[in-house]
Amino acid sequence: KLVGDGSLGSRSAALIEDYHDRPGHKGNYRFTDEELYRLVKEAR
Protein backbone atom coordinates (compact mmCIF):
# COMPACT_ATOMS: atom_id res chain seq x y z
CA LYS A 1 0.00 0.00 0.00
CA LEU A 2 1.39 3.35 -1.14
CA VAL A 3 -0.24 6.68 -0.30
CA GLY A 4 -0.06 9.11 -3.21
CA ASP A 5 -1.97 12.08 -1.82
CA GLY A 6 -4.32 13.19 0.96
CA SER A 7 -8.08 13.72 1.09
CA LEU A 8 -10.64 16.04 -0.43
CA GLY A 9 -12.04 17.08 2.95
CA SER A 10 -8.62 18.25 4.12
CA ARG A 11 -7.88 19.81 0.69
CA SER A 12 -4.80 17.62 0.43
CA ALA A 13 -5.93 15.41 -2.46
CA ALA A 14 -3.58 16.24 -5.36
CA LEU A 15 -5.49 17.90 -8.21
CA ILE A 16 -4.29 18.81 -11.70
CA GLU A 17 -5.96 22.23 -11.45
CA ASP A 18 -6.49 24.48 -8.42
CA TYR A 19 -9.10 23.78 -5.77
CA HIS A 20 -12.29 25.57 -6.66
CA ASP A 21 -12.63 26.87 -3.09
CA ARG A 22 -8.92 27.61 -2.54
CA PRO A 23 -7.35 29.27 -5.60
CA GLY A 24 -3.62 28.76 -5.88
CA HIS A 25 -3.71 25.42 -4.06
CA LYS A 26 -3.60 22.03 -5.80
CA GLY A 27 -3.22 19.72 -2.79
CA ASN A 28 -0.24 17.61 -1.78
CA TYR A 29 1.62 14.84 -3.58
CA ARG A 30 3.22 12.41 -1.14
CA PHE A 31 5.84 11.31 -3.68
CA THR A 32 7.84 12.74 -6.51
CA ASP A 33 7.40 10.77 -9.74
CA GLU A 34 10.77 9.10 -9.23
CA GLU A 35 10.04 8.16 -5.62
CA LEU A 36 6.78 6.49 -6.63
CA TYR A 37 8.49 4.79 -9.57
CA ARG A 38 11.19 3.34 -7.29
CA LEU A 39 8.60 1.98 -4.84
CA VAL A 40 6.43 0.42 -7.56
CA LYS A 41 9.44 -1.01 -9.36
CA GLU A 42 10.63 -2.55 -6.10
CA ALA A 43 7.21 -4.13 -5.42
CA ARG A 44 7.21 -5.61 -8.93
ModelCIF file with pLDDT and N, C-alpha, C, O atoms, coordinates in Angstrom:
data_MODEL
#
_entry.id   MODEL 
#
_entity.id                         1 
_entity.type                       polymer 
_entity.pdbx_number_of_molecules   1 
#
_entity_poly.entity_id                      1 
_entity_poly.type                           'polypeptide(L)' 
_entity_poly.nstd_linkage                   no 
_entity_poly.nstd_monomer                   no 
_entity_poly.pdbx_seq_one_letter_code       KLVGDGSLGSRSAALIEDYHDRPGHKGNYRFTDEELYRLVKEAR 
_entity_poly.pdbx_seq_one_letter_code_can   KLVGDGSLGSRSAALIEDYHDRPGHKGNYRFTDEELYRLVKEAR 
_entity_poly.pdbx_strand_id                 A 
#
loop_
_entity_poly_seq.entity_id 
_entity_poly_seq.num 
_entity_poly_seq.mon_id 
_entity_poly_seq.hetero 
1 1  LYS n 
1 2  LEU n 
1 3  VAL n 
1 4  GLY n 
1 5  ASP n 
1 6  GLY n 
1 7  SER n 
1 8  LEU n 
1 9  GLY n 
1 10 SER n 
1 11 ARG n 
1 12 SER n 
1 13 ALA n 
1 14 ALA n 
1 15 LEU n 
1 16 ILE n 
1 17 GLU n 
1 18 ASP n 
1 19 TYR n 
1 20 HIS n 
1 21 ASP n 
1 22 ARG n 
1 23 PRO n 
1 24 GLY n 
1 25 HIS n 
1 26 LYS n 
1 27 GLY n 
1 28 ASN n 
1 29 TYR n 
1 30 ARG n 
1 31 PHE n 
1 32 THR n 
1 33 ASP n 
1 34 GLU n 
1 35 GLU n 
1 36 LEU n 
1 37 TYR n 
1 38 ARG n 
1 39 LEU n 
1 40 VAL n 
1 41 LYS n 
1 42 GLU n 
1 43 ALA n 
1 44 ARG n 
#
_struct_asym.id          A 
_struct_asym.entity_id   1 
#
loop_
_ma_qa_metric.id 
_ma_qa_metric.mode 
_ma_qa_metric.name 
_ma_qa_metric.software_group_id 
_ma_qa_metric.type 
1 global pLDDT . pLDDT 
2 local  pLDDT . pLDDT 
#
_ma_qa_metric_global.metric_id      1 
_ma_qa_metric_global.metric_value   96.61 
_ma_qa_metric_global.model_id       1 
_ma_qa_metric_global.ordinal_id     1 
#
loop_
_ma_qa_metric_local.label_asym_id 
_ma_qa_metric_local.label_comp_id 
_ma_qa_metric_local.label_seq_id 
_ma_qa_metric_local.metric_id 
_ma_qa_metric_local.metric_value 
_ma_qa_metric_local.model_id 
_ma_qa_metric_local.ordinal_id 
A LYS 1  2 97.00 1 1  
A LEU 2  2 97.00 1 2  
A VAL 3  2 96.00 1 3  
A GLY 4  2 97.00 1 4  
A ASP 5  2 96.00 1 5  
A GLY 6  2 95.00 1 6  
A SER 7  2 95.00 1 7  
A LEU 8  2 95.00 1 8  
A GLY 9  2 91.00 1 9  
A SER 10 2 90.00 1 10 
A ARG 11 2 95.00 1 11 
A SER 12 2 95.00 1 12 
A ALA 13 2 97.00 1 13 
A ALA 14 2 98.00 1 14 
A LEU 15 2 98.00 1 15 
A ILE 16 2 98.00 1 16 
A GLU 17 2 98.00 1 17 
A ASP 18 2 98.00 1 18 
A TYR 19 2 98.00 1 19 
A HIS 20 2 98.00 1 20 
A ASP 21 2 97.00 1 21 
A ARG 22 2 97.00 1 22 
A PRO 23 2 98.00 1 23 
A GLY 24 2 98.00 1 24 
A HIS 25 2 97.00 1 25 
A LYS 26 2 98.00 1 26 
A GLY 27 2 97.00 1 27 
A ASN 28 2 95.00 1 28 
A TYR 29 2 97.00 1 29 
A ARG 30 2 95.00 1 30 
A PHE 31 2 96.00 1 31 
A THR 32 2 96.00 1 32 
A ASP 33 2 97.00 1 33 
A GLU 34 2 97.00 1 34 
A GLU 35 2 96.00 1 35 
A LEU 36 2 97.00 1 36 
A TYR 37 2 98.00 1 37 
A ARG 38 2 97.00 1 38 
A LEU 39 2 97.00 1 39 
A VAL 40 2 98.00 1 40 
A LYS 41 2 98.00 1 41 
A GLU 42 2 97.00 1 42 
A ALA 43 2 98.00 1 43 
A ARG 44 2 98.00 1 44 
#
loop_
_atom_site.group_PDB 
_atom_site.id 
_atom_site.type_symbol 
_atom_site.label_atom_id 
_atom_site.label_alt_id 
_atom_site.label_comp_id 
_atom_site.label_asym_id 
_atom_site.label_entity_id 
_atom_site.label_seq_id 
_atom_site.pdbx_PDB_ins_code 
_atom_site.Cartn_x 
_atom_site.Cartn_y 
_atom_site.Cartn_z 
_atom_site.occupancy 
_atom_site.B_iso_or_equiv 
_atom_site.pdbx_formal_charge 
_atom_site.auth_seq_id 
_atom_site.auth_comp_id 
_atom_site.auth_asym_id 
_atom_site.auth_atom_id 
_atom_site.pdbx_PDB_model_num 
ATOM 1   N N  . LYS A 1 1  ? 0.847   -1.197 0.000   1.00 97.00 ? 1  LYS A N  1 
ATOM 2   C CA . LYS A 1 1  ? 0.000   0.000  0.000   1.00 97.00 ? 1  LYS A CA 1 
ATOM 3   C C  . LYS A 1 1  ? 0.884   1.250  0.000   1.00 97.00 ? 1  LYS A C  1 
ATOM 4   O O  . LYS A 1 1  ? 1.698   1.456  0.901   1.00 97.00 ? 1  LYS A O  1 
ATOM 5   N N  . LEU A 1 2  ? 0.705   2.067  -1.023  1.00 97.00 ? 2  LEU A N  1 
ATOM 6   C CA . LEU A 1 2  ? 1.392   3.347  -1.137  1.00 97.00 ? 2  LEU A CA 1 
ATOM 7   C C  . LEU A 1 2  ? 0.351   4.449  -1.048  1.00 97.00 ? 2  LEU A C  1 
ATOM 8   O O  . LEU A 1 2  ? -0.776  4.272  -1.510  1.00 97.00 ? 2  LEU A O  1 
ATOM 9   N N  . VAL A 1 3  ? 0.707   5.569  -0.466  1.00 96.00 ? 3  VAL A N  1 
ATOM 10  C CA . VAL A 1 3  ? -0.240  6.679  -0.304  1.00 96.00 ? 3  VAL A CA 1 
ATOM 11  C C  . VAL A 1 3  ? 0.243   7.845  -1.155  1.00 96.00 ? 3  VAL A C  1 
ATOM 12  O O  . VAL A 1 3  ? 1.251   8.481  -0.849  1.00 96.00 ? 3  VAL A O  1 
ATOM 13  N N  . GLY A 1 4  ? -0.503  8.117  -2.243  1.00 97.00 ? 4  GLY A N  1 
ATOM 14  C CA . GLY A 1 4  ? -0.057  9.111  -3.214  1.00 97.00 ? 4  GLY A CA 1 
ATOM 15  C C  . GLY A 1 4  ? -0.447  10.535 -2.907  1.00 97.00 ? 4  GLY A C  1 
ATOM 16  O O  . GLY A 1 4  ? 0.235   11.468 -3.330  1.00 97.00 ? 4  GLY A O  1 
ATOM 17  N N  . ASP A 1 5  ? -1.549  10.722 -2.168  1.00 96.00 ? 5  ASP A N  1 
ATOM 18  C CA . ASP A 1 5  ? -1.971  12.084 -1.821  1.00 96.00 ? 5  ASP A CA 1 
ATOM 19  C C  . ASP A 1 5  ? -2.794  12.035 -0.542  1.00 96.00 ? 5  ASP A C  1 
ATOM 20  O O  . ASP A 1 5  ? -2.744  11.049 0.194   1.00 96.00 ? 5  ASP A O  1 
ATOM 21  N N  . GLY A 1 6  ? -3.553  13.096 -0.275  1.00 95.00 ? 6  GLY A N  1 
ATOM 22  C CA . GLY A 1 6  ? -4.319  13.189 0.956   1.00 95.00 ? 6  GLY A CA 1 
ATOM 23  C C  . GLY A 1 6  ? -5.793  12.936 0.736   1.00 95.00 ? 6  GLY A C  1 
ATOM 24  O O  . GLY A 1 6  ? -6.177  11.918 0.161   1.00 95.00 ? 6  GLY A O  1 
ATOM 25  N N  . SER A 1 7  ? -6.632  13.875 1.202   1.00 95.00 ? 7  SER A N  1 
ATOM 26  C CA . SER A 1 7  ? -8.076  13.719 1.088   1.00 95.00 ? 7  SER A CA 1 
ATOM 27  C C  . SER A 1 7  ? -8.707  15.008 0.588   1.00 95.00 ? 7  SER A C  1 
ATOM 28  O O  . SER A 1 7  ? -8.117  16.086 0.663   1.00 95.00 ? 7  SER A O  1 
ATOM 29  N N  . LEU A 1 8  ? -9.917  14.867 0.077   1.00 95.00 ? 8  LEU A N  1 
ATOM 30  C CA . LEU A 1 8  ? -10.640 16.035 -0.431  1.00 95.00 ? 8  LEU A CA 1 
ATOM 31  C C  . LEU A 1 8  ? -11.090 16.929 0.722   1.00 95.00 ? 8  LEU A C  1 
ATOM 32  O O  . LEU A 1 8  ? -11.016 18.154 0.635   1.00 95.00 ? 8  LEU A O  1 
ATOM 33  N N  . GLY A 1 9  ? -11.559 16.298 1.810   1.00 91.00 ? 9  GLY A N  1 
ATOM 34  C CA . GLY A 1 9  ? -12.042 17.077 2.949   1.00 91.00 ? 9  GLY A CA 1 
ATOM 35  C C  . GLY A 1 9  ? -10.976 17.961 3.550   1.00 91.00 ? 9  GLY A C  1 
ATOM 36  O O  . GLY A 1 9  ? -11.264 19.074 3.989   1.00 91.00 ? 9  GLY A O  1 
ATOM 37  N N  . SER A 1 10 ? -9.734  17.474 3.576   1.00 90.00 ? 10 SER A N  1 
ATOM 38  C CA . SER A 1 10 ? -8.616  18.249 4.120   1.00 90.00 ? 10 SER A CA 1 
ATOM 39  C C  . SER A 1 10 ? -7.925  19.114 3.054   1.00 90.00 ? 10 SER A C  1 
ATOM 40  O O  . SER A 1 10 ? -6.934  19.786 3.339   1.00 90.00 ? 10 SER A O  1 
ATOM 41  N N  . ARG A 1 11 ? -8.454  19.089 1.841   1.00 95.00 ? 11 ARG A N  1 
ATOM 42  C CA . ARG A 1 11 ? -7.879  19.808 0.689   1.00 95.00 ? 11 ARG A CA 1 
ATOM 43  C C  . ARG A 1 11 ? -6.422  19.393 0.435   1.00 95.00 ? 11 ARG A C  1 
ATOM 44  O O  . ARG A 1 11 ? -5.586  20.202 0.030   1.00 95.00 ? 11 ARG A O  1 
ATOM 45  N N  . SER A 1 12 ? -6.150  18.118 0.683   1.00 95.00 ? 12 SER A N  1 
ATOM 46  C CA . SER A 1 12 ? -4.798  17.625 0.434   1.00 95.00 ? 12 SER A CA 1 
ATOM 47  C C  . SER A 1 12 ? -4.755  16.578 -0.676  1.00 95.00 ? 12 SER A C  1 
ATOM 48  O O  . SER A 1 12 ? -3.679  16.086 -1.015  1.00 95.00 ? 12 SER A O  1 
ATOM 49  N N  . ALA A 1 13 ? -5.924  16.227 -1.254  1.00 97.00 ? 13 ALA A N  1 
ATOM 50  C CA . ALA A 1 13 ? -5.927  15.408 -2.457  1.00 97.00 ? 13 ALA A CA 1 
ATOM 51  C C  . ALA A 1 13 ? -5.241  16.200 -3.562  1.00 97.00 ? 13 ALA A C  1 
ATOM 52  O O  . ALA A 1 13 ? -5.498  17.393 -3.721  1.00 97.00 ? 13 ALA A O  1 
ATOM 53  N N  . ALA A 1 14 ? -4.368  15.544 -4.328  1.00 98.00 ? 14 ALA A N  1 
ATOM 54  C CA . ALA A 1 14 ? -3.580  16.241 -5.355  1.00 98.00 ? 14 ALA A CA 1 
ATOM 55  C C  . ALA A 1 14 ? -4.380  16.372 -6.650  1.00 98.00 ? 14 ALA A C  1 
ATOM 56  O O  . ALA A 1 14 ? -4.699  15.375 -7.298  1.00 98.00 ? 14 ALA A O  1 
ATOM 57  N N  . LEU A 1 15 ? -4.699  17.611 -7.014  1.00 98.00 ? 15 LEU A N  1 
ATOM 58  C CA . LEU A 1 15 ? -5.489  17.900 -8.210  1.00 98.00 ? 15 LEU A CA 1 
ATOM 59  C C  . LEU A 1 15 ? -4.598  18.455 -9.319  1.00 98.00 ? 15 LEU A C  1 
ATOM 60  O O  . LEU A 1 15 ? -3.552  19.047 -9.054  1.00 98.00 ? 15 LEU A O  1 
ATOM 61  N N  . ILE A 1 16 ? -5.028  18.257 -10.559 1.00 98.00 ? 16 ILE A N  1 
ATOM 62  C CA . ILE A 1 16 ? -4.290  18.808 -11.702 1.00 98.00 ? 16 ILE A CA 1 
ATOM 63  C C  . ILE A 1 16 ? -4.457  20.323 -11.757 1.00 98.00 ? 16 ILE A C  1 
ATOM 64  O O  . ILE A 1 16 ? -3.506  21.053 -12.036 1.00 98.00 ? 16 ILE A O  1 
ATOM 65  N N  . GLU A 1 17 ? -5.680  20.790 -11.487 1.00 98.00 ? 17 GLU A N  1 
ATOM 66  C CA . GLU A 1 17 ? -5.958  22.230 -11.450 1.00 98.00 ? 17 GLU A CA 1 
ATOM 67  C C  . GLU A 1 17 ? -6.258  22.644 -10.006 1.00 98.00 ? 17 GLU A C  1 
ATOM 68  O O  . GLU A 1 17 ? -6.454  21.797 -9.134  1.00 98.00 ? 17 GLU A O  1 
ATOM 69  N N  . ASP A 1 18 ? -6.291  23.954 -9.769  1.00 98.00 ? 18 ASP A N  1 
ATOM 70  C CA . ASP A 1 18 ? -6.488  24.481 -8.416  1.00 98.00 ? 18 ASP A CA 1 
ATOM 71  C C  . ASP A 1 18 ? -7.815  24.010 -7.805  1.00 98.00 ? 18 ASP A C  1 
ATOM 72  O O  . ASP A 1 18 ? -8.770  23.688 -8.512  1.00 98.00 ? 18 ASP A O  1 
ATOM 73  N N  . TYR A 1 19 ? -7.838  23.983 -6.485  1.00 98.00 ? 19 TYR A N  1 
ATOM 74  C CA . TYR A 1 19 ? -9.098  23.775 -5.772  1.00 98.00 ? 19 TYR A CA 1 
ATOM 75  C C  . TYR A 1 19 ? -10.048 24.926 -6.106  1.00 98.00 ? 19 TYR A C  1 
ATOM 76  O O  . TYR A 1 19 ? -9.654  26.092 -6.154  1.00 98.00 ? 19 TYR A O  1 
ATOM 77  N N  . HIS A 1 20 ? -11.290 24.567 -6.331  1.00 98.00 ? 20 HIS A N  1 
ATOM 78  C CA . HIS A 1 20 ? -12.293 25.566 -6.665  1.00 98.00 ? 20 HIS A CA 1 
ATOM 79  C C  . HIS A 1 20 ? -12.510 26.539 -5.513  1.00 98.00 ? 20 HIS A C  1 
ATOM 80  O O  . HIS A 1 20 ? -12.774 27.722 -5.732  1.00 98.00 ? 20 HIS A O  1 
ATOM 81  N N  . ASP A 1 21 ? -12.394 26.025 -4.256  1.00 97.00 ? 21 ASP A N  1 
ATOM 82  C CA . ASP A 1 21 ? -12.633 26.874 -3.085  1.00 97.00 ? 21 ASP A CA 1 
ATOM 83  C C  . ASP A 1 21 ? -11.334 27.298 -2.387  1.00 97.00 ? 21 ASP A C  1 
ATOM 84  O O  . ASP A 1 21 ? -11.364 27.793 -1.261  1.00 97.00 ? 21 ASP A O  1 
ATOM 85  N N  . ARG A 1 22 ? -10.194 27.100 -3.063  1.00 97.00 ? 22 ARG A N  1 
ATOM 86  C CA . ARG A 1 22 ? -8.921  27.607 -2.541  1.00 97.00 ? 22 ARG A CA 1 
ATOM 87  C C  . ARG A 1 22 ? -7.978  27.865 -3.714  1.00 97.00 ? 22 ARG A C  1 
ATOM 88  O O  . ARG A 1 22 ? -7.065  27.078 -3.962  1.00 97.00 ? 22 ARG A O  1 
ATOM 89  N N  . PRO A 1 23 ? -8.193  28.958 -4.431  1.00 98.00 ? 23 PRO A N  1 
ATOM 90  C CA . PRO A 1 23 ? -7.353  29.272 -5.596  1.00 98.00 ? 23 PRO A CA 1 
ATOM 91  C C  . PRO A 1 23 ? -5.871  29.307 -5.229  1.00 98.00 ? 23 PRO A C  1 
ATOM 92  O O  . PRO A 1 23 ? -5.492  29.794 -4.163  1.00 98.00 ? 23 PRO A O  1 
ATOM 93  N N  . GLY A 1 24 ? -5.048  28.786 -6.125  1.00 98.00 ? 24 GLY A N  1 
ATOM 94  C CA . GLY A 1 24 ? -3.615  28.757 -5.883  1.00 98.00 ? 24 GLY A CA 1 
ATOM 95  C C  . GLY A 1 24 ? -3.134  27.499 -5.175  1.00 98.00 ? 24 GLY A C  1 
ATOM 96  O O  . GLY A 1 24 ? -1.934  27.313 -4.975  1.00 98.00 ? 24 GLY A O  1 
ATOM 97  N N  . HIS A 1 25 ? -4.065  26.642 -4.799  1.00 97.00 ? 25 HIS A N  1 
ATOM 98  C CA . HIS A 1 25 ? -3.707  25.422 -4.057  1.00 97.00 ? 25 HIS A CA 1 
ATOM 99  C C  . HIS A 1 25 ? -4.176  24.205 -4.837  1.00 97.00 ? 25 HIS A C  1 
ATOM 100 O O  . HIS A 1 25 ? -5.334  24.133 -5.250  1.00 97.00 ? 25 HIS A O  1 
ATOM 101 N N  . LYS A 1 26 ? -3.268  23.238 -5.042  1.00 98.00 ? 26 LYS A N  1 
ATOM 102 C CA . LYS A 1 26 ? -3.599  22.031 -5.803  1.00 98.00 ? 26 LYS A CA 1 
ATOM 103 C C  . LYS A 1 26 ? -3.547  20.765 -4.954  1.00 98.00 ? 26 LYS A C  1 
ATOM 104 O O  . LYS A 1 26 ? -3.700  19.664 -5.482  1.00 98.00 ? 26 LYS A O  1 
ATOM 105 N N  . GLY A 1 27 ? -3.332  20.907 -3.633  1.00 97.00 ? 27 GLY A N  1 
ATOM 106 C CA . GLY A 1 27 ? -3.223  19.724 -2.792  1.00 97.00 ? 27 GLY A CA 1 
ATOM 107 C C  . GLY A 1 27 ? -1.780  19.281 -2.653  1.00 97.00 ? 27 GLY A C  1 
ATOM 108 O O  . GLY A 1 27 ? -0.856  20.016 -3.002  1.00 97.00 ? 27 GLY A O  1 
ATOM 109 N N  . ASN A 1 28 ? -1.590  18.065 -2.138  1.00 95.00 ? 28 ASN A N  1 
ATOM 110 C CA . ASN A 1 28 ? -0.239  17.607 -1.780  1.00 95.00 ? 28 ASN A CA 1 
ATOM 111 C C  . ASN A 1 28 ? 0.053   16.222 -2.341  1.00 95.00 ? 28 ASN A C  1 
ATOM 112 O O  . ASN A 1 28 ? -0.657  15.259 -2.053  1.00 95.00 ? 28 ASN A O  1 
ATOM 113 N N  . TYR A 1 29 ? 1.106   16.136 -3.145  1.00 97.00 ? 29 TYR A N  1 
ATOM 114 C CA . TYR A 1 29 ? 1.615   14.838 -3.585  1.00 97.00 ? 29 TYR A CA 1 
ATOM 115 C C  . TYR A 1 29 ? 2.525   14.296 -2.491  1.00 97.00 ? 29 TYR A C  1 
ATOM 116 O O  . TYR A 1 29 ? 3.375   15.019 -1.971  1.00 97.00 ? 29 TYR A O  1 
ATOM 117 N N  . ARG A 1 30 ? 2.348   13.025 -2.142  1.00 95.00 ? 30 ARG A N  1 
ATOM 118 C CA . ARG A 1 30 ? 3.225   12.415 -1.145  1.00 95.00 ? 30 ARG A CA 1 
ATOM 119 C C  . ARG A 1 30 ? 4.591   12.063 -1.733  1.00 95.00 ? 30 ARG A C  1 
ATOM 120 O O  . ARG A 1 30 ? 5.601   12.073 -1.030  1.00 95.00 ? 30 ARG A O  1 
ATOM 121 N N  . PHE A 1 31 ? 4.608   11.752 -3.032  1.00 96.00 ? 31 PHE A N  1 
ATOM 122 C CA . PHE A 1 31 ? 5.843   11.315 -3.678  1.00 96.00 ? 31 PHE A CA 1 
ATOM 123 C C  . PHE A 1 31 ? 6.164   12.170 -4.895  1.00 96.00 ? 31 PHE A C  1 
ATOM 124 O O  . PHE A 1 31 ? 5.270   12.706 -5.549  1.00 96.00 ? 31 PHE A O  1 
ATOM 125 N N  . THR A 1 32 ? 7.449   12.286 -5.186  1.00 96.00 ? 32 THR A N  1 
ATOM 126 C CA . THR A 1 32 ? 7.841   12.744 -6.512  1.00 96.00 ? 32 THR A CA 1 
ATOM 127 C C  . THR A 1 32 ? 7.596   11.580 -7.475  1.00 96.00 ? 32 THR A C  1 
ATOM 128 O O  . THR A 1 32 ? 7.404   10.447 -7.034  1.00 96.00 ? 32 THR A O  1 
ATOM 129 N N  . ASP A 1 33 ? 7.602   11.844 -8.766  1.00 97.00 ? 33 ASP A N  1 
ATOM 130 C CA . ASP A 1 33 ? 7.403   10.772 -9.744  1.00 97.00 ? 33 ASP A CA 1 
ATOM 131 C C  . ASP A 1 33 ? 8.456   9.679  -9.584  1.00 97.00 ? 33 ASP A C  1 
ATOM 132 O O  . ASP A 1 33 ? 8.145   8.491  -9.677  1.00 97.00 ? 33 ASP A O  1 
ATOM 133 N N  . GLU A 1 34 ? 9.691   10.080 -9.346  1.00 97.00 ? 34 GLU A N  1 
ATOM 134 C CA . GLU A 1 34 ? 10.774  9.102  -9.230  1.00 97.00 ? 34 GLU A CA 1 
ATOM 135 C C  . GLU A 1 34 ? 10.682  8.294  -7.948  1.00 97.00 ? 34 GLU A C  1 
ATOM 136 O O  . GLU A 1 34 ? 11.021  7.110  -7.937  1.00 97.00 ? 34 GLU A O  1 
ATOM 137 N N  . GLU A 1 35 ? 10.227  8.915  -6.865  1.00 96.00 ? 35 GLU A N  1 
ATOM 138 C CA . GLU A 1 35 ? 10.043  8.158  -5.623  1.00 96.00 ? 35 GLU A CA 1 
ATOM 139 C C  . GLU A 1 35 ? 8.973   7.090  -5.800  1.00 96.00 ? 35 GLU A C  1 
ATOM 140 O O  . GLU A 1 35 ? 9.157   5.946  -5.385  1.00 96.00 ? 35 GLU A O  1 
ATOM 141 N N  . LEU A 1 36 ? 7.855   7.462  -6.416  1.00 97.00 ? 36 LEU A N  1 
ATOM 142 C CA . LEU A 1 36 ? 6.784   6.487  -6.628  1.00 97.00 ? 36 LEU A CA 1 
ATOM 143 C C  . LEU A 1 36 ? 7.249   5.395  -7.584  1.00 97.00 ? 36 LEU A C  1 
ATOM 144 O O  . LEU A 1 36 ? 6.950   4.219  -7.376  1.00 97.00 ? 36 LEU A O  1 
ATOM 145 N N  . TYR A 1 37 ? 7.969   5.770  -8.617  1.00 98.00 ? 37 TYR A N  1 
ATOM 146 C CA . TYR A 1 37 ? 8.493   4.792  -9.574  1.00 98.00 ? 37 TYR A CA 1 
ATOM 147 C C  . TYR A 1 37 ? 9.387   3.777  -8.863  1.00 98.00 ? 37 TYR A C  1 
ATOM 148 O O  . TYR A 1 37 ? 9.271   2.576  -9.106  1.00 98.00 ? 37 TYR A O  1 
ATOM 149 N N  . ARG A 1 38 ? 10.273  4.247  -7.992  1.00 97.00 ? 38 ARG A N  1 
ATOM 150 C CA . ARG A 1 38 ? 11.185  3.343  -7.292  1.00 97.00 ? 38 ARG A CA 1 
ATOM 151 C C  . ARG A 1 38 ? 10.416  2.356  -6.419  1.00 97.00 ? 38 ARG A C  1 
ATOM 152 O O  . ARG A 1 38 ? 10.748  1.172  -6.379  1.00 97.00 ? 38 ARG A O  1 
ATOM 153 N N  . LEU A 1 39 ? 9.388   2.840  -5.718  1.00 97.00 ? 39 LEU A N  1 
ATOM 154 C CA . LEU A 1 39 ? 8.603   1.977  -4.841  1.00 97.00 ? 39 LEU A CA 1 
ATOM 155 C C  . LEU A 1 39 ? 7.808   0.937  -5.630  1.00 97.00 ? 39 LEU A C  1 
ATOM 156 O O  . LEU A 1 39 ? 7.744   -0.226 -5.233  1.00 97.00 ? 39 LEU A O  1 
ATOM 157 N N  . VAL A 1 40 ? 7.205   1.351  -6.739  1.00 98.00 ? 40 VAL A N  1 
ATOM 158 C CA . VAL A 1 40 ? 6.425   0.423  -7.561  1.00 98.00 ? 40 VAL A CA 1 
ATOM 159 C C  . VAL A 1 40 ? 7.347   -0.595 -8.233  1.00 98.00 ? 40 VAL A C  1 
ATOM 160 O O  . VAL A 1 40 ? 7.029   -1.782 -8.302  1.00 98.00 ? 40 VAL A O  1 
ATOM 161 N N  . LYS A 1 41 ? 8.464   -0.128 -8.717  1.00 98.00 ? 41 LYS A N  1 
ATOM 162 C CA . LYS A 1 41 ? 9.443   -1.010 -9.359  1.00 98.00 ? 41 LYS A CA 1 
ATOM 163 C C  . LYS A 1 41 ? 9.941   -2.066 -8.365  1.00 98.00 ? 41 LYS A C  1 
ATOM 164 O O  . LYS A 1 41 ? 10.114  -3.233 -8.717  1.00 98.00 ? 41 LYS A O  1 
ATOM 165 N N  . GLU A 1 42 ? 10.162  -1.645 -7.145  1.00 97.00 ? 42 GLU A N  1 
ATOM 166 C CA . GLU A 1 42 ? 10.630  -2.549 -6.103  1.00 97.00 ? 42 GLU A CA 1 
ATOM 167 C C  . GLU A 1 42 ? 9.569   -3.610 -5.786  1.00 97.00 ? 42 GLU A C  1 
ATOM 168 O O  . GLU A 1 42 ? 9.891   -4.788 -5.638  1.00 97.00 ? 42 GLU A O  1 
ATOM 169 N N  . ALA A 1 43 ? 8.303   -3.186 -5.682  1.00 98.00 ? 43 ALA A N  1 
ATOM 170 C CA . ALA A 1 43 ? 7.213   -4.134 -5.423  1.00 98.00 ? 43 ALA A CA 1 
ATOM 171 C C  . ALA A 1 43 ? 7.114   -5.159 -6.549  1.00 98.00 ? 43 ALA A C  1 
ATOM 172 O O  . ALA A 1 43 ? 6.921   -6.349 -6.298  1.00 98.00 ? 43 ALA A O  1 
ATOM 173 N N  . ARG A 1 44 ? 7.245   -4.699 -7.774  1.00 98.00 ? 44 ARG A N  1 
ATOM 174 C CA . ARG A 1 44 ? 7.207   -5.613 -8.933  1.00 98.00 ? 44 ARG A CA 1 
ATOM 175 C C  . ARG A 1 44 ? 8.353   -6.617 -8.859  1.00 98.00 ? 44 ARG A C  1 
ATOM 176 O O  . ARG A 1 44 ? 8.489   -7.465 -9.740  1.00 98.00 ? 44 ARG A O  1 
#
